[in-house]
Amino acid sequence: MLPAIFLQLAYLFIFIWSVAMTVQDFQSSSKNWLTVLMHISVAVVSLNFLLLSTGISL
């Protein structure tokens, strides 16, 4: 089983990547809204998992 710190770093990396992709999607002249929504949902889910793994619940 992975140590908790590696799992938390993976969640953090996924969150940062999803936010970066969302910003990049909004800077594009032609927006594919399904892709934008997918990146936002991945960011929300990864942030939720990150917070739960650190003991913070919303």
N, C-alpha and C. Protein backbone atom coordinates (compact mmCIF):
# COMPACT_ATOMS: atom_id res chain seq x y z
N MET A 1 0.84 -1.18 0.00
CA MET A 1 0.00 0.00 0.00
C MET A 1 0.88 1.25 0.00
N LEU A 2 0.44 2.27 -0.73
CA LEU A 2 1.21 3.50 -0.82
C LEU A 2 1.18 4.28 0.49
N PRO A 3 2.30 4.87 0.86
CA PRO A 3 2.26 5.77 2.01
C PRO A 3 1.32 6.95 1.74
N ALA A 4 0.74 7.47 2.78
CA ALA A 4 -0.26 8.53 2.63
C ALA A 4 0.29 9.76 1.93
N ILE A 5 1.55 10.09 2.15
CA ILE A 5 2.11 11.30 1.54
C ILE A 5 2.15 11.19 0.01
N PHE A 6 2.44 9.99 -0.51
CA PHE A 6 2.46 9.80 -1.96
C PHE A 6 1.06 9.95 -2.55
N LEU A 7 0.09 9.43 -1.86
CA LEU A 7 -1.29 9.55 -2.31
C LEU A 7 -1.74 11.01 -2.29
N GLN A 8 -1.39 11.74 -1.24
CA GLN A 8 -1.74 13.14 -1.15
C GLN A 8 -1.04 13.97 -2.23
N LEU A 9 0.22 13.65 -2.52
CA LEU A 9 0.92 14.34 -3.60
C LEU A 9 0.29 14.06 -4.95
N ALA A 10 -0.18 12.83 -5.16
CA ALA A 10 -0.85 12.49 -6.41
C ALA A 10 -2.15 13.26 -6.55
N TYR A 11 -2.93 13.35 -5.46
CA TYR A 11 -4.17 14.13 -5.50
C TYR A 11 -3.88 15.60 -5.77
N LEU A 12 -2.82 16.13 -5.15
CA LEU A 12 -2.45 17.52 -5.36
C LEU A 12 -2.02 17.76 -6.80
N PHE A 13 -1.24 16.84 -7.36
CA PHE A 13 -0.80 16.97 -8.75
C PHE A 13 -1.99 16.95 -9.70
N ILE A 14 -2.93 16.04 -9.48
CA ILE A 14 -4.12 15.96 -10.33
C ILE A 14 -4.94 17.24 -10.23
N PHE A 15 -5.07 17.78 -9.01
CA PHE A 15 -5.81 19.03 -8.82
C PHE A 15 -5.15 20.18 -9.57
N ILE A 16 -3.83 20.33 -9.42
CA ILE A 16 -3.12 21.42 -10.08
C ILE A 16 -3.21 21.28 -11.60
N TRP A 17 -3.05 20.06 -12.10
CA TRP A 17 -3.14 19.83 -13.55
C TRP A 17 -4.54 20.18 -14.07
N SER A 18 -5.57 19.79 -13.34
CA SER A 18 -6.94 20.06 -13.78
C SER A 18 -7.24 21.56 -13.79
N VAL A 19 -6.75 22.27 -12.78
CA VAL A 19 -6.96 23.72 -12.75
C VAL A 19 -6.21 24.37 -13.90
N ALA A 20 -4.98 23.93 -14.16
CA ALA A 20 -4.20 24.49 -15.27
C ALA A 20 -4.90 24.24 -16.60
N MET A 21 -5.44 23.04 -16.79
CA MET A 21 -6.14 22.73 -18.03
C MET A 21 -7.43 23.56 -18.16
N THR A 22 -8.11 23.80 -17.04
CA THR A 22 -9.32 24.63 -17.07
C THR A 22 -8.98 26.05 -17.48
N VAL A 23 -7.90 26.60 -16.92
CA VAL A 23 -7.47 27.95 -17.30
C VAL A 23 -7.11 27.99 -18.78
N GLN A 24 -6.40 26.98 -19.24
CA GLN A 24 -6.03 26.90 -20.65
C GLN A 24 -7.28 26.79 -21.54
N ASP A 25 -8.27 26.03 -21.10
CA ASP A 25 -9.52 25.90 -21.86
C ASP A 25 -10.23 27.25 -21.98
N PHE A 26 -10.23 28.03 -20.89
CA PHE A 26 -10.91 29.33 -20.93
C PHE A 26 -10.15 30.35 -21.79
N GLN A 27 -8.85 30.17 -21.97
CA GLN A 27 -8.08 31.09 -22.79
C GLN A 27 -8.22 30.78 -24.28
N SER A 28 -8.74 29.62 -24.61
CA SER A 28 -8.93 29.23 -26.00
C SER A 28 -10.07 30.02 -26.62
N SER A 29 -9.94 30.32 -27.89
CA SER A 29 -10.98 31.10 -28.57
C SER A 29 -12.25 30.27 -28.79
N SER A 30 -12.09 28.99 -29.10
CA SER A 30 -13.26 28.13 -29.27
C SER A 30 -13.28 27.13 -28.11
N LYS A 31 -14.29 27.25 -27.28
CA LYS A 31 -14.35 26.44 -26.06
C LYS A 31 -15.16 25.17 -26.29
N ASN A 32 -14.60 24.06 -25.89
CA ASN A 32 -15.32 22.80 -25.86
C ASN A 32 -15.82 22.66 -24.43
N TRP A 33 -17.10 22.94 -24.21
CA TRP A 33 -17.63 23.02 -22.86
C TRP A 33 -17.62 21.69 -22.13
N LEU A 34 -17.71 20.60 -22.86
CA LEU A 34 -17.64 19.29 -22.22
C LEU A 34 -16.26 19.06 -21.61
N THR A 35 -15.22 19.47 -22.31
CA THR A 35 -13.86 19.36 -21.79
C THR A 35 -13.66 20.27 -20.58
N VAL A 36 -14.20 21.48 -20.64
CA VAL A 36 -14.10 22.41 -19.52
C VAL A 36 -14.77 21.81 -18.29
N LEU A 37 -15.98 21.27 -18.46
CA LEU A 37 -16.70 20.67 -17.34
C LEU A 37 -15.98 19.44 -16.80
N MET A 38 -15.36 18.66 -17.67
CA MET A 38 -14.63 17.49 -17.23
C MET A 38 -13.43 17.90 -16.38
N HIS A 39 -12.68 18.91 -16.80
CA HIS A 39 -11.53 19.37 -16.02
C HIS A 39 -11.96 19.94 -14.68
N ILE A 40 -13.06 20.67 -14.66
CA ILE A 40 -13.56 21.22 -13.39
C ILE A 40 -13.99 20.09 -12.46
N SER A 41 -14.67 19.08 -12.99
CA SER A 41 -15.13 17.98 -12.13
C SER A 41 -13.96 17.16 -11.60
N VAL A 42 -12.93 16.95 -12.40
CA VAL A 42 -11.75 16.23 -11.92
C VAL A 42 -11.06 17.04 -10.82
N ALA A 43 -11.00 18.36 -10.97
CA ALA A 43 -10.40 19.20 -9.93
C ALA A 43 -11.19 19.12 -8.63
N VAL A 44 -12.51 19.14 -8.72
CA VAL A 44 -13.35 19.09 -7.51
C VAL A 44 -13.20 17.74 -6.81
N VAL A 45 -13.23 16.66 -7.58
CA VAL A 45 -13.12 15.32 -6.98
C VAL A 45 -11.73 15.12 -6.36
N SER A 46 -10.68 15.54 -7.06
CA SER A 46 -9.34 15.36 -6.50
C SER A 46 -9.14 16.22 -5.26
N LEU A 47 -9.71 17.43 -5.24
CA LEU A 47 -9.61 18.27 -4.05
C LEU A 47 -10.36 17.63 -2.88
N ASN A 48 -11.51 17.04 -3.17
CA ASN A 48 -12.27 16.34 -2.13
C ASN A 48 -11.46 15.16 -1.57
N PHE A 49 -10.87 14.36 -2.43
CA PHE A 49 -10.06 13.24 -1.97
C PHE A 49 -8.85 13.72 -1.17
N LEU A 50 -8.22 14.81 -1.62
CA LEU A 50 -7.07 15.36 -0.91
C LEU A 50 -7.46 15.82 0.49
N LEU A 51 -8.57 16.53 0.58
CA LEU A 51 -9.01 17.00 1.89
C LEU A 51 -9.41 15.85 2.81
N LEU A 52 -10.08 14.84 2.26
CA LEU A 52 -10.46 13.69 3.07
C LEU A 52 -9.24 12.91 3.55
N SER A 53 -8.20 12.83 2.71
CA SER A 53 -7.01 12.09 3.11
C SER A 53 -6.21 12.82 4.17
N THR A 54 -6.41 14.14 4.29
CA THR A 54 -5.73 14.89 5.34
C THR A 54 -6.58 15.03 6.59
N GLY A 55 -7.80 14.51 6.55
CA GLY A 55 -8.66 14.54 7.71
C GLY A 55 -9.60 15.72 7.76
N ILE A 56 -9.66 16.50 6.69
CA ILE A 56 -10.56 17.65 6.62
C ILE A 56 -11.80 17.23 5.86
N SER A 57 -12.97 17.43 6.44
CA SER A 57 -14.21 17.09 5.73
C SER A 57 -15.05 18.35 5.55
N LEU A 58 -15.71 18.43 4.42
CA LEU A 58 -16.53 19.60 4.12
C LEU A 58 -17.98 19.33 4.41
